[in-house]
Amino acid sequence: MAESTPDLRALPKARAYDELLAHTRAVLEGISDPLAAMATMSALVHHGFGHLWTGFYRVAAPALLRVGPYQGTLGCLEIPFGKGVCGAAAKELRTVIVPDVHAFPGHITCDARSRSEIVVPVTGPDGALLAVFDIDSDRPHAFDEEDRTGLERLVAWFAEERG
């Protein structure tokens, strides 16, 4: 098993995400526990790209997200669907890229250093929302379509059937 955390910052994004996906798949080989996968993905993405905050908000109740495995400073503990970037992604079931969090209506400030954000919905094999994968950067305009594509490919792990 590959138990290291590769530094992906110097690579072109497409290659970095290809390497991240292959590495994550190797680390999670034989694992079916979604919490273990969330913790692993948070660590690999956070340290691989050097983000400010990287983690999951799990669906805890109808229309409520609760913080799950993450890397970084304290996160918000609960976020209702429709509130902030995470709540918008959960409610709309779509990836939300925010180049400037200060320009996003209703942005929830968990860390004042956050400048940009991407949030990816995470669905299970039945298509139901399990969580959102939230990544914050201290740089504006840090995320783009390559990040969306790479992260959506990464969290597709949760939608696969496991025995």
Protein backbone atom coordinates (compact mmCIF):
# COMPACT_ATOMS: atom_id res chain seq x y z
CA MET A 1 0.00 0.00 0.00
CA ALA A 2 1.24 3.49 -0.87
CA GLU A 3 1.25 5.27 2.50
CA SER A 4 2.93 8.54 1.64
CA THR A 5 1.48 11.92 0.79
CA PRO A 6 2.80 13.16 -2.54
CA ASP A 7 3.47 16.87 -3.07
CA LEU A 8 1.51 17.73 -6.22
CA ARG A 9 2.00 21.51 -6.23
CA ALA A 10 4.72 21.63 -8.90
CA LEU A 11 2.80 19.47 -11.40
CA PRO A 12 0.38 20.69 -14.07
CA LYS A 13 -3.12 20.31 -12.59
CA ALA A 14 -4.32 17.58 -14.95
CA ARG A 15 -1.27 15.43 -14.17
CA ALA A 16 -1.52 16.22 -10.45
CA TYR A 17 -5.12 15.00 -10.34
CA ASP A 18 -4.26 11.88 -12.34
CA GLU A 19 -1.51 11.07 -9.82
CA LEU A 20 -3.79 11.93 -6.88
CA LEU A 21 -6.52 9.63 -8.18
CA ALA A 22 -4.12 6.73 -8.76
CA HIS A 23 -2.49 7.21 -5.36
CA THR A 24 -5.83 7.47 -3.56
CA ARG A 25 -7.14 4.32 -5.26
CA ALA A 26 -3.98 2.44 -4.23
CA VAL A 27 -4.24 3.60 -0.60
CA LEU A 28 -7.96 2.74 -0.41
CA GLU A 29 -7.62 -0.66 -2.09
CA GLY A 30 -9.80 -3.11 -0.13
CA ILE A 31 -11.36 -0.36 2.03
CA SER A 32 -15.12 0.15 2.07
CA ASP A 33 -15.48 2.48 5.08
CA PRO A 34 -16.57 5.92 3.86
CA LEU A 35 -15.20 7.72 6.95
CA ALA A 36 -11.76 6.18 6.40
CA ALA A 37 -11.96 7.27 2.76
CA MET A 38 -12.99 10.81 3.74
CA ALA A 39 -10.10 11.10 6.19
CA THR A 40 -7.64 9.74 3.63
CA MET A 41 -8.84 11.97 0.80
CA SER A 42 -8.79 15.03 3.05
CA ALA A 43 -5.18 14.39 4.02
CA LEU A 44 -3.99 13.59 0.49
CA VAL A 45 -5.64 16.63 -1.10
CA HIS A 46 -4.76 19.01 1.73
CA HIS A 47 -1.08 18.16 1.88
CA GLY A 48 -0.72 17.37 -1.81
CA PHE A 49 -1.87 20.84 -2.86
CA GLY A 50 -1.16 22.89 0.29
CA HIS A 51 -4.71 24.17 0.78
CA LEU A 52 -5.94 26.19 3.77
CA TRP A 53 -8.79 23.83 4.71
CA THR A 54 -9.81 20.52 3.17
CA GLY A 55 -12.59 18.28 4.38
CA PHE A 56 -16.02 16.79 4.29
CA TYR A 57 -19.35 17.93 5.65
CA ARG A 58 -21.57 14.86 6.02
CA VAL A 59 -25.34 14.79 5.71
CA ALA A 60 -26.37 14.48 9.36
CA ALA A 61 -30.11 15.05 9.11
CA PRO A 62 -32.50 16.14 6.39
CA ALA A 63 -31.12 19.41 5.03
CA LEU A 64 -28.24 19.58 7.53
CA LEU A 65 -24.48 19.10 7.03
CA ARG A 66 -22.16 18.31 9.95
CA VAL A 67 -18.38 18.53 9.86
CA GLY A 68 -16.64 15.25 9.08
CA PRO A 69 -13.01 14.30 8.55
CA TYR A 70 -10.87 17.31 7.63
CA GLN A 71 -7.43 18.91 7.65
CA GLY A 72 -6.85 22.50 8.75
CA THR A 73 -8.12 24.83 11.46
CA LEU A 74 -11.51 24.35 13.09
CA GLY A 75 -14.38 24.21 10.64
CA CYS A 76 -18.00 25.20 11.11
CA LEU A 77 -19.73 22.39 12.96
CA GLU A 78 -23.08 22.48 11.15
CA ILE A 79 -24.30 24.05 7.93
CA PRO A 80 -27.93 23.99 6.76
CA PHE A 81 -28.60 23.14 3.13
CA GLY A 82 -28.80 26.35 1.12
CA LYS A 83 -26.50 28.33 3.48
CA GLY A 84 -23.03 29.34 2.33
CA VAL A 85 -21.06 27.58 -0.38
CA CYS A 86 -21.33 24.11 1.20
CA GLY A 87 -25.07 24.45 1.72
CA ALA A 88 -25.53 25.67 -1.87
CA ALA A 89 -23.61 22.69 -3.28
CA ALA A 90 -25.66 20.30 -1.11
CA LYS A 91 -29.01 21.85 -2.00
CA GLU A 92 -28.28 22.15 -5.73
CA LEU A 93 -26.29 18.88 -6.00
CA ARG A 94 -23.63 20.58 -8.10
CA THR A 95 -20.02 21.62 -7.70
CA VAL A 96 -19.69 25.27 -6.72
CA ILE A 97 -16.49 27.19 -7.49
CA VAL A 98 -16.14 30.56 -5.76
CA PRO A 99 -13.21 32.69 -6.99
CA ASP A 100 -13.77 35.31 -4.25
CA VAL A 101 -15.63 34.18 -1.13
CA HIS A 102 -16.25 37.80 -0.11
CA ALA A 103 -18.41 38.23 -3.23
CA PHE A 104 -20.51 35.10 -2.54
CA PRO A 105 -23.89 36.03 -1.04
CA GLY A 106 -24.32 34.38 2.35
CA HIS A 107 -20.75 33.06 2.57
CA ILE A 108 -20.07 31.52 5.98
CA THR A 109 -16.68 32.57 7.32
CA CYS A 110 -15.12 29.71 9.26
CA ASP A 111 -11.55 31.02 8.72
CA ALA A 112 -11.02 34.69 7.86
CA ARG A 113 -7.97 33.78 5.76
CA SER A 114 -10.15 31.98 3.20
CA ARG A 115 -10.24 33.78 -0.15
CA SER A 116 -11.61 31.17 -2.59
CA GLU A 117 -13.42 27.86 -2.31
CA ILE A 118 -14.63 24.81 -4.19
CA VAL A 119 -17.31 22.44 -2.89
CA VAL A 120 -18.10 19.11 -4.57
CA PRO A 121 -21.21 17.02 -3.78
CA VAL A 122 -20.48 13.43 -2.76
CA THR A 123 -23.11 10.83 -3.60
CA GLY A 124 -23.41 7.17 -2.72
CA PRO A 125 -24.12 4.21 -5.01
CA ASP A 126 -27.85 5.01 -4.88
CA GLY A 127 -27.27 8.62 -5.96
CA ALA A 128 -28.23 10.04 -2.55
CA LEU A 129 -26.12 12.87 -1.15
CA LEU A 130 -23.68 11.60 1.52
CA ALA A 131 -21.56 14.71 2.02
CA VAL A 132 -19.86 17.63 0.34
CA PHE A 133 -16.10 17.91 -0.12
CA ASP A 134 -15.04 21.45 0.78
CA ILE A 135 -11.67 23.02 -0.03
CA ASP A 136 -10.65 26.55 0.94
CA SER A 137 -7.62 28.47 -0.28
CA ASP A 138 -5.96 31.56 1.11
CA ARG A 139 -5.48 32.71 -2.51
CA PRO A 140 -8.24 34.24 -4.66
CA HIS A 141 -9.18 32.40 -7.87
CA ALA A 142 -7.37 29.24 -6.72
CA PHE A 143 -9.87 26.80 -8.27
CA ASP A 144 -11.00 26.23 -11.84
CA GLU A 145 -12.62 23.63 -14.11
CA GLU A 146 -9.57 21.36 -13.88
CA ASP A 147 -10.06 21.25 -10.11
CA ARG A 148 -13.78 20.56 -10.56
CA THR A 149 -13.08 17.68 -12.94
CA GLY A 150 -10.27 16.24 -10.83
CA LEU A 151 -12.19 16.42 -7.56
CA GLU A 152 -15.38 15.01 -9.06
CA ARG A 153 -13.36 12.05 -10.36
CA LEU A 154 -11.84 11.61 -6.89
CA VAL A 155 -15.11 11.57 -4.95
CA ALA A 156 -16.69 9.21 -7.51
CA TRP A 157 -15.13 6.53 -5.25
CA PHE A 158 -18.13 6.92 -2.92
CA ALA A 159 -20.64 6.17 -5.69
CA GLU A 160 -19.07 2.78 -6.46
CA GLU A 161 -20.63 -0.41 -5.12
CA ARG A 162 -18.44 -2.17 -2.54
CA GLY A 163 -18.93 -5.60 -1.01
